[in-house]
Amino acid sequence: MTGLHVSLPCHLGLDAWAPAARQAADCNVFLPDVEEEQIADERVSCYNCQYRRWAADGICCLATGD
């Protein structure tokens, strides 16, 4: 995948609700996950993105490119 936004932090903690919403709003590749997988109240949030993957202490963004 090329041309993806790679300047966002890869890792957000489990309770980083406001930063996750701000970062997702600035992300040019945010893609909402299926409704059943969305957990944040804000529709546009890293926690609700298809590129988000869970880690033991938060989430990582997999939207990286060449």
PDB file of N, CA and C in Angstrom:
ATOM      1  N   MET A   1       0.844  -1.170   0.000  1.00  0.00           N
ATOM      2  CA  MET A   1       0.000   0.000   0.000  1.00  0.00           C
ATOM      3  C   MET A   1       0.894   1.238   0.000  1.00  0.00           C
ATOM      4  N   THR A   2       0.591   2.139  -0.875  1.00  0.00           N
ATOM      5  CA  THR A   2       1.401   3.337  -0.961  1.00  0.00           C
ATOM      6  C   THR A   2       0.556   4.570  -0.705  1.00  0.00           C
ATOM      7  N   GLY A   3       1.233   5.659  -0.345  1.00  0.00           N
ATOM      8  CA  GLY A   3       0.562   6.925  -0.156  1.00  0.00           C
ATOM      9  C   GLY A   3      -0.238   7.043   1.116  1.00  0.00           C
ATOM     10  N   LEU A   4      -0.013   6.195   2.081  1.00  0.00           N
ATOM     11  CA  LEU A   4      -0.771   6.270   3.320  1.00  0.00           C
ATOM     12  C   LEU A   4      -0.132   7.225   4.303  1.00  0.00           C
ATOM     13  N   HIS A   5      -0.921   7.715   5.217  1.00  0.00           N
ATOM     14  CA  HIS A   5      -0.469   8.659   6.229  1.00  0.00           C
ATOM     15  C   HIS A   5       0.368   7.909   7.256  1.00  0.00           C
ATOM     16  N   VAL A   6       1.632   8.262   7.422  1.00  0.00           N
ATOM     17  CA  VAL A   6       2.498   7.528   8.332  1.00  0.00           C
ATOM     18  C   VAL A   6       3.025   8.383   9.474  1.00  0.00           C
ATOM     19  N   SER A   7       2.562   9.624   9.627  1.00  0.00           N
ATOM     20  CA  SER A   7       3.101  10.474  10.680  1.00  0.00           C
ATOM     21  C   SER A   7       2.352  10.340  12.003  1.00  0.00           C
ATOM     22  N   LEU A   8       1.281   9.571  12.031  1.00  0.00           N
ATOM     23  CA  LEU A   8       0.551   9.381  13.278  1.00  0.00           C
ATOM     24  C   LEU A   8       1.312   8.412  14.186  1.00  0.00           C
ATOM     25  N   PRO A   9       1.196   8.589  15.503  1.00  0.00           N
ATOM     26  CA  PRO A   9       1.836   7.636  16.403  1.00  0.00           C
ATOM     27  C   PRO A   9       1.267   6.237  16.198  1.00  0.00           C
ATOM     28  N   CYS A  10       2.111   5.271  16.337  1.00  0.00           N
ATOM     29  CA  CYS A  10       1.663   3.896  16.153  1.00  0.00           C
ATOM     30  C   CYS A  10       0.894   3.394  17.370  1.00  0.00           C
ATOM     31  N   HIS A  11       1.112   3.986  18.518  1.00  0.00           N
ATOM     32  CA  HIS A  11       0.534   3.410  19.720  1.00  0.00           C
ATOM     33  C   HIS A  11      -0.241   4.429  20.543  1.00  0.00           C
ATOM     34  N   LEU A  12      -1.460   4.113  20.872  1.00  0.00           N
ATOM     35  CA  LEU A  12      -2.289   4.911  21.778  1.00  0.00           C
ATOM     36  C   LEU A  12      -2.696   4.023  22.941  1.00  0.00           C
ATOM     37  N   GLY A  13      -2.752   4.589  24.122  1.00  0.00           N
ATOM     38  CA  GLY A  13      -3.150   3.827  25.298  1.00  0.00           C
ATOM     39  C   GLY A  13      -4.613   3.420  25.263  1.00  0.00           C
ATOM     40  N   LEU A  14      -5.019   2.670  26.253  1.00  0.00           N
ATOM     41  CA  LEU A  14      -6.383   2.161  26.307  1.00  0.00           C
ATOM     42  C   LEU A  14      -7.419   3.253  26.553  1.00  0.00           C
ATOM     43  N   ASP A  15      -7.034   4.373  27.146  1.00  0.00           N
ATOM     44  CA  ASP A  15      -7.980   5.445  27.468  1.00  0.00           C
ATOM     45  C   ASP A  15      -7.620   6.760  26.800  1.00  0.00           C
ATOM     46  N   ALA A  16      -7.095   6.734  25.610  1.00  0.00           N
ATOM     47  CA  ALA A  16      -6.688   7.958  24.906  1.00  0.00           C
ATOM     48  C   ALA A  16      -7.799   8.410  23.956  1.00  0.00           C
ATOM     49  N   TRP A  17      -8.998   8.587  24.490  1.00  0.00           N
ATOM     50  CA  TRP A  17     -10.174   8.870  23.669  1.00  0.00           C
ATOM     51  C   TRP A  17     -10.040  10.169  22.876  1.00  0.00           C
ATOM     52  N   ALA A  18      -9.705  11.268  23.525  1.00  0.00           N
ATOM     53  CA  ALA A  18      -9.599  12.562  22.837  1.00  0.00           C
ATOM     54  C   ALA A  18      -8.453  12.570  21.818  1.00  0.00           C
ATOM     55  N   PRO A  19      -7.236  12.118  22.187  1.00  0.00           N
ATOM     56  CA  PRO A  19      -6.162  12.075  21.189  1.00  0.00           C
ATOM     57  C   PRO A  19      -6.508  11.170  19.996  1.00  0.00           C
ATOM     58  N   ALA A  20      -7.180  10.072  20.239  1.00  0.00           N
ATOM     59  CA  ALA A  20      -7.543   9.157  19.153  1.00  0.00           C
ATOM     60  C   ALA A  20      -8.511   9.821  18.187  1.00  0.00           C
ATOM     61  N   ALA A  21      -9.433  10.614  18.703  1.00  0.00           N
ATOM     62  CA  ALA A  21     -10.383  11.320  17.837  1.00  0.00           C
ATOM     63  C   ALA A  21      -9.674  12.408  17.039  1.00  0.00           C
ATOM     64  N   ARG A  22      -8.771  13.154  17.682  1.00  0.00           N
ATOM     65  CA  ARG A  22      -8.034  14.213  16.979  1.00  0.00           C
ATOM     66  C   ARG A  22      -7.146  13.627  15.886  1.00  0.00           C
ATOM     67  N   GLN A  23      -6.436  12.559  16.193  1.00  0.00           N
ATOM     68  CA  GLN A  23      -5.534  11.958  15.216  1.00  0.00           C
ATOM     69  C   GLN A  23      -6.314  11.381  14.035  1.00  0.00           C
ATOM     70  N   ALA A  24      -7.429  10.739  14.302  1.00  0.00           N
ATOM     71  CA  ALA A  24      -8.227  10.168  13.220  1.00  0.00           C
ATOM     72  C   ALA A  24      -8.803  11.270  12.333  1.00  0.00           C
ATOM     73  N   ALA A  25      -9.180  12.392  12.928  1.00  0.00           N
ATOM     74  CA  ALA A  25      -9.714  13.512  12.151  1.00  0.00           C
ATOM     75  C   ALA A  25      -8.658  14.068  11.197  1.00  0.00           C
ATOM     76  N   ASP A  26      -7.387  13.984  11.576  1.00  0.00           N
ATOM     77  CA  ASP A  26      -6.286  14.478  10.737  1.00  0.00           C
ATOM     78  C   ASP A  26      -5.734  13.422   9.786  1.00  0.00           C
ATOM     79  N   CYS A  27      -6.177  12.204   9.907  1.00  0.00           N
ATOM     80  CA  CYS A  27      -5.635  11.093   9.122  1.00  0.00           C
ATOM     81  C   CYS A  27      -6.297  11.039   7.745  1.00  0.00           C
ATOM     82  N   ASN A  28      -5.488  10.931   6.703  1.00  0.00           N
ATOM     83  CA  ASN A  28      -6.050  10.888   5.358  1.00  0.00           C
ATOM     84  C   ASN A  28      -6.408   9.481   4.896  1.00  0.00           C
ATOM     85  N   VAL A  29      -6.244   8.483   5.737  1.00  0.00           N
ATOM     86  CA  VAL A  29      -6.621   7.117   5.367  1.00  0.00           C
ATOM     87  C   VAL A  29      -7.576   6.476   6.374  1.00  0.00           C
ATOM     88  N   PHE A  30      -8.137   7.275   7.285  1.00  0.00           N
ATOM     89  CA  PHE A  30      -9.090   6.713   8.248  1.00  0.00           C
ATOM     90  C   PHE A  30     -10.190   5.979   7.493  1.00  0.00           C
ATOM     91  N   LEU A  31     -10.466   4.772   7.941  1.00  0.00           N
ATOM     92  CA  LEU A  31     -11.510   3.956   7.337  1.00  0.00           C
ATOM     93  C   LEU A  31     -12.300   3.323   8.475  1.00  0.00           C
ATOM     94  N   PRO A  32     -13.570   3.691   8.636  1.00  0.00           N
ATOM     95  CA  PRO A  32     -14.329   3.149   9.765  1.00  0.00           C
ATOM     96  C   PRO A  32     -14.442   1.638   9.696  1.00  0.00           C
ATOM     97  N   ASP A  33     -14.276   1.024  10.837  1.00  0.00           N
ATOM     98  CA  ASP A  33     -14.439  -0.423  10.954  1.00  0.00           C
ATOM     99  C   ASP A  33     -15.932  -0.742  10.909  1.00  0.00           C
ATOM    100  N   VAL A  34     -16.280  -2.009  10.815  1.00  0.00           N
ATOM    101  CA  VAL A  34     -17.691  -2.396  10.851  1.00  0.00           C
ATOM    102  C   VAL A  34     -18.275  -1.961  12.189  1.00  0.00           C
ATOM    103  N   GLU A  35     -19.541  -1.640  12.195  1.00  0.00           N
ATOM    104  CA  GLU A  35     -20.191  -1.074  13.382  1.00  0.00           C
ATOM    105  C   GLU A  35     -20.006  -1.940  14.625  1.00  0.00           C
ATOM    106  N   GLU A  36     -20.021  -3.233  14.469  1.00  0.00           N
ATOM    107  CA  GLU A  36     -19.881  -4.142  15.607  1.00  0.00           C
ATOM    108  C   GLU A  36     -18.522  -4.025  16.288  1.00  0.00           C
ATOM    109  N   GLU A  37     -17.508  -3.540  15.563  1.00  0.00           N
ATOM    110  CA  GLU A  37     -16.154  -3.406  16.095  1.00  0.00           C
ATOM    111  C   GLU A  37     -15.846  -2.008  16.616  1.00  0.00           C
ATOM    112  N   GLN A  38     -16.752  -1.055  16.426  1.00  0.00           N
ATOM    113  CA  GLN A  38     -16.517   0.311  16.874  1.00  0.00           C
ATOM    114  C   GLN A  38     -16.832   0.436  18.359  1.00  0.00           C
ATOM    115  N   ILE A  39     -15.922   1.089  19.102  1.00  0.00           N
ATOM    116  CA  ILE A  39     -16.118   1.201  20.544  1.00  0.00           C
ATOM    117  C   ILE A  39     -16.160   2.643  21.039  1.00  0.00           C
ATOM    118  N   ALA A  40     -15.624   3.574  20.274  1.00  0.00           N
ATOM    119  CA  ALA A  40     -15.599   4.974  20.702  1.00  0.00           C
ATOM    120  C   ALA A  40     -16.923   5.648  20.356  1.00  0.00           C
ATOM    121  N   ASP A  41     -17.313   6.617  21.168  1.00  0.00           N
ATOM    122  CA  ASP A  41     -18.531   7.375  20.896  1.00  0.00           C
ATOM    123  C   ASP A  41     -18.397   8.216  19.632  1.00  0.00           C
ATOM    124  N   GLU A  42     -17.187   8.737  19.393  1.00  0.00           N
ATOM    125  CA  GLU A  42     -16.949   9.524  18.193  1.00  0.00           C
ATOM    126  C   GLU A  42     -16.824   8.576  17.003  1.00  0.00           C
ATOM    127  N   ARG A  43     -17.539   8.852  15.931  1.00  0.00           N
ATOM    128  CA  ARG A  43     -17.472   7.991  14.756  1.00  0.00           C
ATOM    129  C   ARG A  43     -16.060   7.960  14.200  1.00  0.00           C
ATOM    130  N   VAL A  44     -15.412   9.139  14.102  1.00  0.00           N
ATOM    131  CA  VAL A  44     -14.053   9.228  13.573  1.00  0.00           C
ATOM    132  C   VAL A  44     -13.082   9.192  14.749  1.00  0.00           C
ATOM    133  N   SER A  45     -12.503   8.041  14.976  1.00  0.00           N
ATOM    134  CA  SER A  45     -11.568   7.804  16.074  1.00  0.00           C
ATOM    135  C   SER A  45     -10.656   6.645  15.687  1.00  0.00           C
ATOM    136  N   CYS A  46      -9.415   6.723  16.101  1.00  0.00           N
ATOM    137  CA  CYS A  46      -8.501   5.605  15.840  1.00  0.00           C
ATOM    138  C   CYS A  46      -9.063   4.293  16.394  1.00  0.00           C
ATOM    139  N   TYR A  47      -9.811   4.377  17.484  1.00  0.00           N
ATOM    140  CA  TYR A  47     -10.390   3.174  18.072  1.00  0.00           C
ATOM    141  C   TYR A  47     -11.450   2.541  17.170  1.00  0.00           C
ATOM    142  N   ASN A  48     -11.977   3.299  16.225  1.00  0.00           N
ATOM    143  CA  ASN A  48     -13.022   2.798  15.330  1.00  0.00           C
ATOM    144  C   ASN A  48     -12.511   2.558  13.912  1.00  0.00           C
ATOM    145  N   CYS A  49     -11.222   2.552  13.717  1.00  0.00           N
ATOM    146  CA  CYS A  49     -10.638   2.444  12.383  1.00  0.00           C
ATOM    147  C   CYS A  49     -10.287   0.997  12.027  1.00  0.00           C
ATOM    148  N   GLN A  50     -10.463   0.669  10.745  1.00  0.00           N
ATOM    149  CA  GLN A  50     -10.102  -0.677  10.291  1.00  0.00           C
ATOM    150  C   GLN A  50      -8.610  -0.955  10.388  1.00  0.00           C
ATOM    151  N   TYR A  51      -7.789   0.088  10.414  1.00  0.00           N
ATOM    152  CA  TYR A  51      -6.338  -0.101  10.498  1.00  0.00           C
ATOM    153  C   TYR A  51      -5.844  -0.278  11.936  1.00  0.00           C
ATOM    154  N   ARG A  52      -6.722  -0.194  12.918  1.00  0.00           N
ATOM    155  CA  ARG A  52      -6.359  -0.312  14.325  1.00  0.00           C
ATOM    156  C   ARG A  52      -6.207  -1.783  14.708  1.00  0.00           C
ATOM    157  N   ARG A  53      -5.165  -2.049  15.486  1.00  0.00           N
ATOM    158  CA  ARG A  53      -4.975  -3.393  16.031  1.00  0.00           C
ATOM    159  C   ARG A  53      -4.728  -3.264  17.523  1.00  0.00           C
ATOM    160  N   TRP A  54      -5.317  -4.155  18.275  1.00  0.00           N
ATOM    161  CA  TRP A  54      -5.197  -4.110  19.731  1.00  0.00           C
ATOM    162  C   TRP A  54      -3.872  -4.709  20.194  1.00  0.00           C
ATOM    163  N   ALA A  55      -3.304  -4.071  21.198  1.00  0.00           N
ATOM    164  CA  ALA A  55      -2.115  -4.566  21.890  1.00  0.00           C
ATOM    165  C   ALA A  55      -2.484  -4.660  23.367  1.00  0.00           C
ATOM    166  N   ALA A  56      -1.632  -5.232  24.179  1.00  0.00           N
ATOM    167  CA  ALA A  56      -1.931  -5.404  25.601  1.00  0.00           C
ATOM    168  C   ALA A  56      -2.204  -4.080  26.307  1.00  0.00           C
ATOM    169  N   ASP A  57      -1.520  -3.013  25.882  1.00  0.00           N
ATOM    170  CA  ASP A  57      -1.667  -1.741  26.582  1.00  0.00           C
ATOM    171  C   ASP A  57      -2.238  -0.628  25.709  1.00  0.00           C
ATOM    172  N   GLY A  58      -2.901  -0.987  24.610  1.00  0.00           N
ATOM    173  CA  GLY A  58      -3.500   0.032  23.768  1.00  0.00           C
ATOM    174  C   GLY A  58      -3.721  -0.450  22.346  1.00  0.00           C
ATOM    175  N   ILE A  59      -3.605   0.481  21.406  1.00  0.00           N
ATOM    176  CA  ILE A  59      -3.803   0.135  20.003  1.00  0.00           C
ATOM    177  C   ILE A  59      -2.621   0.609  19.167  1.00  0.00           C
ATOM    178  N   CYS A  60      -2.398  -0.070  18.067  1.00  0.00           N
ATOM    179  CA  CYS A  60      -1.389   0.318  17.087  1.00  0.00           C
ATOM    180  C   CYS A  60      -2.092   0.563  15.765  1.00  0.00           C
ATOM    181  N   CYS A  61      -1.559   1.497  14.991  1.00  0.00           N
ATOM    182  CA  CYS A  61      -2.088   1.812  13.675  1.00  0.00           C
ATOM    183  C   CYS A  61      -1.270   1.062  12.626  1.00  0.00           C
ATOM    184  N   LEU A  62      -1.959   0.323  11.774  1.00  0.00           N
ATOM    185  CA  LEU A  62      -1.290  -0.434  10.725  1.00  0.00           C
ATOM    186  C   LEU A  62      -1.298   0.293   9.379  1.00  0.00           C
ATOM    187  N   ALA A  63      -1.728   1.546   9.362  1.00  0.00           N
ATOM    188  CA  ALA A  63      -1.783   2.323   8.114  1.00  0.00           C
ATOM    189  C   ALA A  63      -0.400   2.867   7.793  1.00  0.00           C
ATOM    190  N   THR A  64       0.472   1.998   7.351  1.00  0.00           N
ATOM    191  CA  THR A  64       1.822   2.401   6.957  1.00  0.00           C
ATOM    192  C   THR A  64       2.017   2.058   5.510  1.00  0.00           C
ATOM    193  N   GLY A  65       2.862   2.787   4.853  1.00  0.00           N
ATOM    194  CA  GLY A  65       3.069   2.546   3.432  1.00  0.00           C
ATOM    195  C   GLY A  65       4.533   2.523   3.070  1.00  0.00           C
ATOM    196  N   ASP A  66       4.764   2.354   1.806  1.00  0.00           N
ATOM    197  CA  ASP A  66       6.143   2.311   1.286  1.00  0.00           C
ATOM    198  C   ASP A  66       6.761   3.676   1.329  1.00  0.00           C
TER     199      ASP A  66
END
